[in-house]
Amino acid sequence: MSDSMTAGSRVAQVDALRGFALLGILMVNVWFFADSSHLTGGRDPSTASPVDLGIRFAVATFFEGKFYLLFSLLFGYGSVVLAAAAGEDRTRLMTRRLIFLGVLGVAHGLTLFYGDILLTYALAGTILVAAGPAGPRARLGLAVGITLGMALLLVAVAVLLPVGGPAAGDLPAMPISPTATPAEALAANAATYGVVLPSVVFFQGPLALAAFFAGSALAMLGVLRPAVPPRSILWRVVVLALPLGLAGAAYAAYLDVWGGGSAARVLATALSVVTSPLVTVGYAAALLLVLGSRAGRVVTAVLAPTGRLSLSNYVAQSVVLCLVFTGYGLGLMDRLPPAVVVVVVVVLFAGQAAASSLLLSRYWTGPLEWTLRHIVRRVPRKGSGPDGA
């Protein structure tokens, strides 16, 4: 495939990156379904097994805070592509798109997954649209400023917290618990959504907005369009970003799992805020290197269809996890060992990759993507569409 792309065509590498982000998001989100203690800090290190703690540490180090940032970067990137394709109608079309995502996010959060990010995306996206005239340098500056500001705020909170006291992010008396019936599952999820939503909006929201700005700046600078960066540059990004980022992420995960106090947990979050962007950029560069290698066609064939149907797959993940772990289905919350939960993630994503490929061999888009385009453009337009669609 040629690296040169027109304004309205898709870049397979972008879809593959989006599919990769979905895999990482699934690995993070599954614990909110599988483990009733996850929302309030996870299992007690003094009673959990070494294997369970090792899995928790690995997920915190390699996944938490990294992949939703990658997805957010791509959202910002896609906003620029969509705006270019929309021409004079860009504001109206983007507004409709954000309203749709907001409404879908509320429905998703109330009924399926209380940690939904779509409403937060819609709110942060309105700020991104309002910053339309800002150039790439200003957007990168805003991204760095927001990220560092959030980290410094968390450090200040950690300093002010009493050692061993309740963490700022702790949510006492959470209504989420193992459920046995669909009615119980719906009630528990809706109640938890009301409690969790402010922290998602006011913590993840600014960080997502920072990634939106960074992604839109990269699109303006021509990264991936019209060509993927040279391999020498990608290798340089991997070498400079990943070792430092993962070292910081590992220390943050250690503080989170074994730190033993509220201040340590908040400090771990602050460190994660700073180091996660490095890991995210390193992951993206590493995957682009893989996609340009001999194995690239196989990896693209697995990831790109999944990423092309990212909205449908994101919601479908919640549906399947609800059926496995809550009263909507089997009710296996707290009943599967963490190692088996990881297997569930691998099997589910493999199924989504196969289903996405099969669906795209018969149809031109997915159900939620079709609905979004129909509402935004009023007329369902056939074709693959730009990367942000």
Protein backbone atom coordinates (compact mmCIF):
# COMPACT_ATOMS: atom_id res chain seq x y z
CA MET A 1 0.00 0.00 0.00
CA SER A 2 1.30 3.43 -0.87
CA ASP A 3 2.06 5.81 1.98
CA SER A 4 0.65 8.66 0.00
CA MET A 5 -2.96 9.28 0.92
CA THR A 6 -5.71 11.56 -0.23
CA ALA A 7 -7.73 13.61 2.23
CA GLY A 8 -10.71 11.29 2.16
CA SER A 9 -8.98 7.90 2.27
CA ARG A 10 -8.06 5.76 5.27
CA VAL A 11 -4.56 5.01 6.46
CA ALA A 12 -4.31 1.36 7.47
CA GLN A 13 -1.66 2.18 10.08
CA VAL A 14 -4.08 4.53 11.86
CA ASP A 15 -6.75 1.83 12.00
CA ALA A 16 -4.16 -0.63 13.30
CA LEU A 17 -3.09 1.81 16.02
CA ARG A 18 -6.73 2.25 16.97
CA GLY A 19 -7.20 -1.52 17.15
CA PHE A 20 -4.08 -1.80 19.31
CA ALA A 21 -5.53 0.85 21.62
CA LEU A 22 -8.75 -1.15 21.93
CA LEU A 23 -6.78 -4.20 23.05
CA GLY A 24 -5.05 -2.20 25.78
CA ILE A 25 -8.29 -0.55 26.88
CA LEU A 26 -9.90 -3.98 27.17
CA MET A 27 -7.05 -5.21 29.38
CA VAL A 28 -7.64 -2.27 31.72
CA ASN A 29 -11.45 -2.21 31.72
CA VAL A 30 -11.95 -5.93 32.29
CA TRP A 31 -10.91 -5.63 35.96
CA PHE A 32 -13.80 -3.28 36.70
CA PHE A 33 -16.09 -6.14 35.68
CA ALA A 34 -14.10 -9.07 37.05
CA ASP A 35 -12.99 -7.74 40.45
CA SER A 36 -15.39 -5.94 42.80
CA SER A 37 -12.45 -4.45 44.75
CA HIS A 38 -10.73 -2.93 41.72
CA LEU A 39 -12.54 0.40 41.86
CA THR A 40 -11.35 1.04 45.43
CA GLY A 41 -7.72 0.01 44.99
CA GLY A 42 -7.72 -3.72 44.35
CA ARG A 43 -7.10 -6.69 46.59
CA ASP A 44 -5.15 -6.34 49.83
CA PRO A 45 -1.47 -7.16 49.11
CA SER A 46 -1.22 -8.97 52.45
CA THR A 47 -3.85 -11.53 51.43
CA ALA A 48 -3.54 -11.70 47.61
CA SER A 49 -1.30 -14.34 46.05
CA PRO A 50 2.06 -13.39 44.47
CA VAL A 51 0.71 -14.36 41.04
CA ASP A 52 -2.35 -12.14 41.45
CA LEU A 53 -0.20 -9.23 42.60
CA GLY A 54 2.22 -9.80 39.73
CA ILE A 55 -0.61 -9.59 37.20
CA ARG A 56 -1.94 -6.44 38.85
CA PHE A 57 1.57 -4.90 38.76
CA ALA A 58 2.03 -5.85 35.08
CA VAL A 59 -1.33 -4.39 34.07
CA ALA A 60 -0.59 -1.17 35.95
CA THR A 61 2.89 -0.90 34.42
CA PHE A 62 2.19 -1.75 30.80
CA PHE A 63 -1.48 -0.89 30.28
CA GLU A 64 -3.13 1.50 32.74
CA GLY A 65 -3.16 5.11 31.57
CA LYS A 66 -1.40 4.31 28.30
CA PHE A 67 -3.97 3.00 25.85
CA TYR A 68 -6.82 5.38 26.49
CA LEU A 69 -4.24 8.11 25.81
CA LEU A 70 -3.38 6.42 22.51
CA PHE A 71 -7.07 6.26 21.65
CA SER A 72 -7.39 9.94 22.62
CA LEU A 73 -4.42 10.90 20.45
CA LEU A 74 -6.13 9.19 17.52
CA PHE A 75 -9.40 10.95 18.34
CA GLY A 76 -7.61 14.30 18.10
CA TYR A 77 -5.91 13.19 14.90
CA GLY A 78 -9.26 12.11 13.45
CA SER A 79 -10.88 15.43 14.30
CA VAL A 80 -8.45 17.22 11.98
CA VAL A 81 -9.01 14.70 9.19
CA LEU A 82 -12.79 14.99 9.56
CA ALA A 83 -12.65 18.78 9.65
CA ALA A 84 -10.63 18.82 6.43
CA ALA A 85 -13.12 16.45 4.76
CA ALA A 86 -16.13 18.43 6.00
CA GLY A 87 -14.99 21.76 4.55
CA GLU A 88 -17.30 24.64 5.47
CA ASP A 89 -19.63 22.32 7.42
CA ARG A 90 -16.91 21.24 9.86
CA THR A 91 -18.38 22.92 12.97
CA ARG A 92 -21.91 21.67 12.39
CA LEU A 93 -20.77 18.12 11.63
CA MET A 94 -18.37 17.97 14.57
CA THR A 95 -21.10 19.26 16.89
CA ARG A 96 -23.50 16.53 15.77
CA ARG A 97 -20.77 13.95 16.20
CA LEU A 98 -20.02 15.06 19.75
CA ILE A 99 -23.71 15.12 20.69
CA PHE A 100 -24.10 11.56 19.41
CA LEU A 101 -21.05 10.40 21.38
CA GLY A 102 -22.35 12.14 24.51
CA VAL A 103 -25.78 10.53 24.30
CA LEU A 104 -24.28 7.12 23.54
CA GLY A 105 -21.85 7.59 26.43
CA VAL A 106 -24.62 8.26 28.94
CA ALA A 107 -26.59 5.21 27.74
CA HIS A 108 -23.45 3.06 27.83
CA GLY A 109 -22.47 4.33 31.28
CA LEU A 110 -25.89 3.82 32.84
CA THR A 111 -26.57 0.36 31.46
CA LEU A 112 -23.26 -1.40 30.73
CA PHE A 113 -20.04 0.19 32.02
CA TYR A 114 -19.98 2.84 34.72
CA GLY A 115 -16.46 3.87 33.64
CA ASP A 116 -17.58 4.98 30.16
CA ILE A 117 -15.31 7.54 28.48
CA LEU A 118 -17.52 8.64 25.56
CA LEU A 119 -19.37 11.39 27.44
CA THR A 120 -16.03 12.73 28.65
CA TYR A 121 -14.78 12.65 25.05
CA ALA A 122 -17.82 14.64 23.95
CA LEU A 123 -17.26 17.30 26.63
CA ALA A 124 -13.53 17.57 25.97
CA GLY A 125 -14.19 17.55 22.24
CA THR A 126 -16.22 20.74 22.49
CA ILE A 127 -13.11 22.49 23.84
CA LEU A 128 -11.06 21.03 21.01
CA VAL A 129 -13.54 22.38 18.45
CA ALA A 130 -13.48 25.80 20.12
CA ALA A 131 -9.68 25.84 19.73
CA GLY A 132 -10.04 25.55 15.96
CA PRO A 133 -7.75 28.48 15.00
CA ALA A 134 -4.88 27.28 17.24
CA GLY A 135 -1.82 26.02 15.38
CA PRO A 136 0.14 22.83 16.06
CA ARG A 137 2.73 24.48 18.33
CA ALA A 138 0.02 26.04 20.49
CA ARG A 139 -1.81 22.71 20.69
CA LEU A 140 1.34 20.85 21.73
CA GLY A 141 1.99 23.52 24.34
CA LEU A 142 -1.53 23.13 25.69
CA ALA A 143 -1.10 19.34 25.82
CA VAL A 144 2.13 19.61 27.82
CA GLY A 145 0.74 22.32 30.09
CA ILE A 146 -2.45 20.42 30.93
CA THR A 147 -0.53 17.20 31.63
CA LEU A 148 2.05 18.84 33.88
CA GLY A 149 -0.66 20.86 35.62
CA MET A 150 -2.60 17.71 36.48
CA ALA A 151 0.57 16.00 37.74
CA LEU A 152 1.52 18.95 39.95
CA LEU A 153 -2.01 19.11 41.35
CA LEU A 154 -1.82 15.43 42.31
CA VAL A 155 1.60 15.91 43.92
CA ALA A 156 0.15 18.74 46.02
CA VAL A 157 -2.71 16.49 47.09
CA ALA A 158 -0.26 13.71 48.00
CA VAL A 159 1.76 16.10 50.17
CA LEU A 160 -1.34 17.28 52.01
CA LEU A 161 -2.77 13.81 52.63
CA PRO A 162 -2.14 12.15 56.00
CA VAL A 163 -0.03 9.01 55.74
CA GLY A 164 -2.29 5.97 55.75
CA GLY A 165 -5.48 8.01 55.44
CA PRO A 166 -8.13 7.57 52.76
CA ALA A 167 -6.86 8.34 49.28
CA ALA A 168 -8.29 11.25 47.36
CA GLY A 169 -9.56 8.86 44.73
CA ASP A 170 -11.08 6.35 47.16
CA LEU A 171 -14.82 5.96 46.82
CA PRO A 172 -16.32 4.65 50.07
CA ALA A 173 -19.47 2.52 50.22
CA MET A 174 -19.40 1.80 46.49
CA PRO A 175 -22.68 0.23 45.30
CA ILE A 176 -20.91 -2.06 42.80
CA SER A 177 -20.83 -5.71 43.87
CA PRO A 178 -21.38 -9.18 42.37
CA THR A 179 -24.91 -9.36 40.97
CA ALA A 180 -27.19 -12.30 40.26
CA THR A 181 -29.95 -10.88 38.03
CA PRO A 182 -30.17 -8.37 35.16
CA ALA A 183 -32.16 -5.99 37.37
CA GLU A 184 -29.44 -6.06 40.03
CA ALA A 185 -26.75 -5.56 37.41
CA LEU A 186 -28.53 -2.55 35.91
CA ALA A 187 -29.20 -0.95 39.32
CA ALA A 188 -25.63 -1.47 40.56
CA ASN A 189 -24.09 -0.13 37.35
CA ALA A 190 -26.35 2.93 37.19
CA ALA A 191 -25.69 3.78 40.86
CA THR A 192 -21.94 3.43 40.42
CA TYR A 193 -22.00 5.52 37.24
CA GLY A 194 -23.48 8.42 39.21
CA VAL A 195 -20.67 8.18 41.78
CA VAL A 196 -17.79 7.67 39.35
CA LEU A 197 -18.78 10.14 36.60
CA PRO A 198 -17.35 13.30 38.26
CA SER A 199 -13.92 11.70 38.73
CA VAL A 200 -13.92 10.46 35.13
CA VAL A 201 -14.86 13.89 33.78
CA PHE A 202 -12.55 15.97 35.97
CA PHE A 203 -9.55 13.62 36.05
CA GLN A 204 -9.56 11.71 32.77
CA GLY A 205 -11.23 14.59 30.95
CA PRO A 206 -8.28 17.03 31.10
CA LEU A 207 -5.81 14.26 30.23
CA ALA A 208 -7.95 13.18 27.28
CA LEU A 209 -8.17 16.82 26.17
CA ALA A 210 -4.37 17.09 26.34
CA ALA A 211 -4.11 14.02 24.11
CA PHE A 212 -6.73 15.51 21.76
CA PHE A 213 -4.57 18.61 21.36
CA ALA A 214 -1.43 16.54 20.82
CA GLY A 215 -3.10 14.25 18.28
CA SER A 216 -4.59 17.15 16.34
CA ALA A 217 -1.19 18.85 16.30
CA LEU A 218 0.46 15.72 14.91
CA ALA A 219 -2.17 15.57 12.16
CA MET A 220 -1.53 19.22 11.30
CA LEU A 221 2.20 18.51 11.13
CA GLY A 222 1.62 15.70 8.61
CA VAL A 223 2.50 12.73 10.82
CA LEU A 224 1.08 9.61 9.05
CA ARG A 225 -0.34 11.90 6.38
CA PRO A 226 1.00 12.00 3.74
CA ALA A 227 3.59 9.45 4.93
CA VAL A 228 4.56 7.37 7.96
CA PRO A 229 7.71 8.79 9.65
CA PRO A 230 11.00 7.17 8.54
CA ARG A 231 12.10 4.09 10.48
CA SER A 232 15.13 5.94 11.83
CA ILE A 233 12.88 8.48 13.52
CA LEU A 234 10.54 5.78 14.85
CA TRP A 235 13.50 3.89 16.35
CA ARG A 236 14.71 7.10 17.97
CA VAL A 237 11.28 7.67 19.54
CA VAL A 238 11.19 4.09 20.86
CA VAL A 239 14.68 4.31 22.37
CA LEU A 240 14.14 7.71 23.96
CA ALA A 241 10.57 7.27 25.19
CA LEU A 242 9.97 3.65 26.16
CA PRO A 243 12.81 2.91 28.66
CA LEU A 244 12.25 6.10 30.64
CA GLY A 245 8.48 5.86 30.43
CA LEU A 246 8.31 2.20 31.47
CA ALA A 247 10.76 2.73 34.33
CA GLY A 248 8.56 5.48 35.71
CA ALA A 249 5.44 3.42 35.08
CA ALA A 250 6.91 0.45 36.93
CA TYR A 251 7.74 2.58 39.96
CA ALA A 252 4.26 4.11 39.89
CA ALA A 253 2.76 0.61 39.74
CA TYR A 254 4.92 -0.47 42.69
CA LEU A 255 3.67 2.47 44.75
CA ASP A 256 0.09 1.72 43.76
CA VAL A 257 0.25 -1.99 44.60
CA TRP A 258 2.65 -2.08 47.56
CA GLY A 259 2.92 1.57 48.65
CA GLY A 260 0.58 0.99 51.57
CA GLY A 261 -0.91 4.45 51.95
CA SER A 262 -3.10 7.11 50.42
CA ALA A 263 -0.26 9.52 49.72
CA ALA A 264 1.69 6.80 47.91
CA ARG A 265 -1.29 5.98 45.70
CA VAL A 266 -1.89 9.60 44.74
CA LEU A 267 1.84 10.09 44.09
CA ALA A 268 1.75 6.97 41.92
CA THR A 269 -1.08 8.52 39.91
CA ALA A 270 0.90 11.75 39.48
CA LEU A 271 3.93 9.80 38.26
CA SER A 272 1.71 7.83 35.88
CA VAL A 273 0.28 11.05 34.44
CA VAL A 274 3.80 12.19 33.53
CA THR A 275 5.22 8.90 32.27
CA SER A 276 2.18 7.45 30.46
CA PRO A 277 2.49 9.82 27.46
CA LEU A 278 6.08 8.63 26.97
CA VAL A 279 4.96 5.00 26.99
CA THR A 280 2.04 5.76 24.70
CA VAL A 281 4.21 7.48 22.09
CA GLY A 282 6.80 4.69 22.40
CA TYR A 283 4.16 2.02 21.89
CA ALA A 284 2.81 3.83 18.82
CA ALA A 285 6.27 4.15 17.27
CA ALA A 286 7.06 0.49 18.04
CA LEU A 287 3.83 -0.69 16.41
CA LEU A 288 4.50 1.44 13.32
CA LEU A 289 7.91 -0.26 13.07
CA VAL A 290 6.23 -3.66 13.25
CA LEU A 291 3.67 -2.65 10.63
CA GLY A 292 6.54 -1.72 8.30
CA SER A 293 8.27 -5.09 8.77
CA ARG A 294 7.64 -8.45 7.10
CA ALA A 295 5.10 -9.31 9.77
CA GLY A 296 3.30 -6.04 9.16
CA ARG A 297 0.66 -7.44 6.82
CA VAL A 298 -0.43 -10.06 9.34
CA VAL A 299 -0.54 -7.58 12.22
CA THR A 300 -2.43 -5.07 10.10
CA ALA A 301 -4.93 -7.74 9.05
CA VAL A 302 -5.67 -8.43 12.73
CA LEU A 303 -5.68 -4.91 14.14
CA ALA A 304 -6.90 -2.64 11.34
CA PRO A 305 -10.44 -4.08 10.93
CA THR A 306 -10.91 -3.95 14.70
CA GLY A 307 -9.77 -0.34 14.81
CA ARG A 308 -11.87 0.63 11.83
CA LEU A 309 -14.95 -0.47 13.82
CA SER A 310 -13.62 1.01 17.06
CA LEU A 311 -16.88 2.49 18.33
CA SER A 312 -18.87 -0.70 17.79
CA ASN A 313 -16.08 -2.81 19.28
CA TYR A 314 -15.70 -0.55 22.32
CA VAL A 315 -19.37 -0.95 23.25
CA ALA A 316 -19.35 -4.64 22.28
CA GLN A 317 -16.54 -5.24 24.78
CA SER A 318 -18.78 -3.94 27.55
CA VAL A 319 -21.68 -6.13 26.39
CA VAL A 320 -19.57 -9.29 26.45
CA LEU A 321 -17.92 -8.46 29.78
CA CYS A 322 -21.34 -7.80 31.31
CA LEU A 323 -22.57 -11.18 30.07
CA VAL A 324 -19.53 -12.92 31.54
CA PHE A 325 -19.11 -11.15 34.87
CA THR A 326 -22.42 -9.54 35.94
CA GLY A 327 -26.02 -10.52 36.59
CA TYR A 328 -26.80 -9.81 32.94
CA GLY A 329 -25.28 -13.23 32.26
CA LEU A 330 -22.99 -15.67 34.07
CA GLY A 331 -22.24 -13.48 37.09
CA LEU A 332 -18.58 -14.53 37.39
CA MET A 333 -17.32 -11.37 39.16
CA ASP A 334 -14.79 -12.35 41.88
CA ARG A 335 -14.98 -15.99 40.78
CA LEU A 336 -12.22 -16.17 38.14
CA PRO A 337 -8.49 -16.04 38.98
CA PRO A 338 -6.67 -13.06 37.44
CA ALA A 339 -4.75 -15.36 35.08
CA VAL A 340 -8.05 -16.62 33.66
CA VAL A 341 -9.30 -13.04 33.33
CA VAL A 342 -6.29 -12.31 31.11
CA VAL A 343 -7.26 -15.31 28.98
CA VAL A 344 -10.78 -13.87 28.68
CA VAL A 345 -9.25 -10.66 27.32
CA VAL A 346 -7.18 -12.50 24.70
CA VAL A 347 -10.10 -14.66 23.57
CA LEU A 348 -12.52 -11.73 23.43
CA PHE A 349 -10.18 -9.54 21.40
CA ALA A 350 -9.36 -12.39 19.02
CA GLY A 351 -13.09 -12.89 18.51
CA GLN A 352 -13.57 -9.18 17.84
CA ALA A 353 -10.74 -9.16 15.32
CA ALA A 354 -12.24 -12.11 13.45
CA ALA A 355 -15.77 -10.69 13.60
CA SER A 356 -14.60 -7.26 12.41
CA SER A 357 -12.79 -8.75 9.44
CA LEU A 358 -15.82 -10.85 8.52
CA LEU A 359 -18.22 -7.93 8.86
CA LEU A 360 -16.08 -5.66 6.68
CA SER A 361 -15.91 -8.35 4.02
CA ARG A 362 -19.69 -8.03 3.66
CA TYR A 363 -20.51 -4.47 4.73
CA TRP A 364 -18.74 -1.14 4.38
CA THR A 365 -18.87 -0.20 8.07
CA GLY A 366 -20.08 -1.27 11.51
CA PRO A 367 -23.50 -0.65 13.12
CA LEU A 368 -22.55 2.22 15.42
CA GLU A 369 -20.25 3.74 12.80
CA TRP A 370 -23.13 3.65 10.29
CA THR A 371 -25.48 5.24 12.82
CA LEU A 372 -22.96 7.95 13.67
CA ARG A 373 -22.36 8.80 10.01
CA HIS A 374 -26.09 8.73 9.24
CA ILE A 375 -26.84 11.18 12.07
CA VAL A 376 -23.86 13.44 11.41
CA ARG A 377 -24.25 13.63 7.64
CA ARG A 378 -28.01 12.95 7.51
CA VAL A 379 -27.39 10.69 4.51
CA PRO A 380 -25.55 7.35 4.91
CA ARG A 381 -22.62 7.71 2.52
CA LYS A 382 -20.99 4.50 1.32
CA GLY A 383 -17.23 4.14 1.26
CA SER A 384 -14.49 3.67 3.79
CA GLY A 385 -14.42 7.32 4.81
CA PRO A 386 -11.56 9.26 6.37
CA ASP A 387 -9.60 7.98 9.35
CA GLY A 388 -11.60 9.87 11.89
CA ALA A 389 -14.97 8.53 10.77
